[in-house]
């Protein structure tokens, strides 16, 4: 099913955002190329879609970000979902640590 989907068809449910992680750097600042199995997945990316406000203990919680924001998120937060060759992250609002200005 994921092979026939496009990212524009994905809309997160309430309390979640869809993020495209940044590409991992394949070369160090000194010019050393890193093998693919050594990459650590990036903890930042671009928000592609935002779900509706979440309801927590009877209180509405609005999304801290909007589509197009660049964010930093928890290392172990979210769930990966692959569309084609690209992995995306579904993150809870509370998994987002900061926006990058």
Protein backbone atom coordinates (compact mmCIF):
# COMPACT_ATOMS: atom_id res chain seq x y z
CA UNK A 1 0.00 0.00 0.00
CA UNK A 2 2.80 2.46 0.85
CA UNK A 3 4.15 2.07 -2.68
CA UNK A 4 0.99 3.54 -4.19
CA UNK A 5 0.73 6.44 -1.70
CA UNK A 6 2.07 9.93 -2.11
CA UNK A 7 3.04 12.12 0.81
CA UNK A 8 0.31 14.63 -0.08
CA UNK A 9 -2.27 11.92 0.75
CA UNK A 10 -1.05 11.62 4.35
CA UNK A 11 -2.80 13.74 6.97
CA UNK A 12 -1.85 13.20 10.61
CA UNK A 13 -4.57 12.60 13.17
CA UNK A 14 -5.17 14.99 16.07
CA UNK A 15 -2.03 15.57 18.15
CA UNK A 16 0.47 14.51 15.46
CA UNK A 17 2.61 16.15 12.78
CA UNK A 18 4.26 14.63 9.70
CA UNK A 19 7.95 15.50 9.33
CA UNK A 20 10.41 14.82 6.55
CA UNK A 21 13.74 14.24 8.28
CA UNK A 22 16.76 16.10 6.95
CA UNK A 23 19.15 14.07 4.83
CA UNK A 24 21.96 12.60 6.89
CA UNK A 25 25.39 13.96 6.19
CA UNK A 26 27.53 11.47 4.28
CA UNK A 27 30.78 13.41 4.66
CA UNK A 28 32.39 14.92 7.73
CA UNK A 29 33.57 18.54 7.87
CA UNK A 30 37.14 17.32 7.31
CA UNK A 31 36.11 15.53 4.10
CA UNK A 32 35.89 11.95 5.38
CA UNK A 33 33.08 9.94 3.78
CA UNK A 34 31.01 7.86 6.17
CA UNK A 35 29.68 4.41 5.29
CA UNK A 36 25.88 4.19 5.11
CA UNK A 37 25.54 1.83 8.07
CA UNK A 38 27.27 4.37 10.33
CA UNK A 39 24.77 7.19 9.85
CA UNK A 40 22.85 8.29 12.80
CA UNK A 41 19.41 9.38 11.80
CA UNK A 42 18.91 13.15 11.92
CA UNK A 43 16.81 14.63 14.70
CA UNK A 44 15.57 17.56 12.65
CA UNK A 45 13.43 18.08 9.62
CA UNK A 46 10.62 19.96 7.90
CA UNK A 47 6.95 19.78 8.89
CA UNK A 48 4.87 18.57 5.94
CA UNK A 49 1.43 18.32 7.57
CA UNK A 50 -0.17 19.07 10.93
CA UNK A 51 -3.05 17.21 12.58
CA UNK A 52 -5.92 18.86 14.40
CA UNK A 53 -5.60 20.13 17.96
CA UNK A 54 -5.21 17.35 20.53
CA UNK A 55 -7.52 16.87 23.49
CA UNK A 56 -5.51 16.22 26.68
CA UNK A 57 -7.35 15.90 30.02
CA UNK A 58 -10.31 17.80 28.55
CA UNK A 59 -8.09 20.68 27.38
CA UNK A 60 -7.40 21.53 23.75
CA UNK A 61 -3.70 21.53 22.91
CA UNK A 62 -2.82 23.39 19.72
CA UNK A 63 0.07 22.35 17.51
CA UNK A 64 3.31 24.12 18.42
CA UNK A 65 4.31 24.18 14.72
CA UNK A 66 2.86 24.80 11.27
CA UNK A 67 3.49 23.37 7.83
CA UNK A 68 6.91 24.39 6.52
CA UNK A 69 8.53 24.88 9.96
CA UNK A 70 11.96 23.35 10.53
CA UNK A 71 11.98 21.45 13.82
CA UNK A 72 14.20 19.50 16.18
CA UNK A 73 12.57 16.45 17.72
CA UNK A 74 13.31 13.76 20.30
CA UNK A 75 15.80 11.11 19.29
CA UNK A 76 13.46 8.22 20.06
CA UNK A 77 10.21 10.03 19.34
CA UNK A 78 7.73 9.32 16.60
CA UNK A 79 6.99 6.51 14.21
CA UNK A 80 8.67 6.03 10.86
CA UNK A 81 6.65 5.52 7.69
CA UNK A 82 8.26 4.89 4.33
CA UNK A 83 6.80 6.19 1.07
CA UNK A 84 8.89 5.20 -1.93
CA UNK A 85 12.53 5.58 -0.92
CA UNK A 86 11.90 8.28 1.69
CA UNK A 87 11.22 7.70 5.39
CA UNK A 88 8.95 10.16 7.15
CA UNK A 89 8.24 10.64 10.85
CA UNK A 90 4.85 10.93 12.53
CA UNK A 91 5.55 12.83 15.75
CA UNK A 92 3.35 13.70 18.71
CA UNK A 93 3.18 17.40 19.50
CA UNK A 94 5.22 16.77 22.67
CA UNK A 95 8.01 15.05 20.71
CA UNK A 96 8.92 18.39 19.12
CA UNK A 97 11.66 20.12 21.09
CA UNK A 98 12.27 23.33 19.14
CA UNK A 99 11.76 25.18 15.90
CA UNK A 100 14.73 26.37 13.86
CA UNK A 101 14.50 30.02 12.81
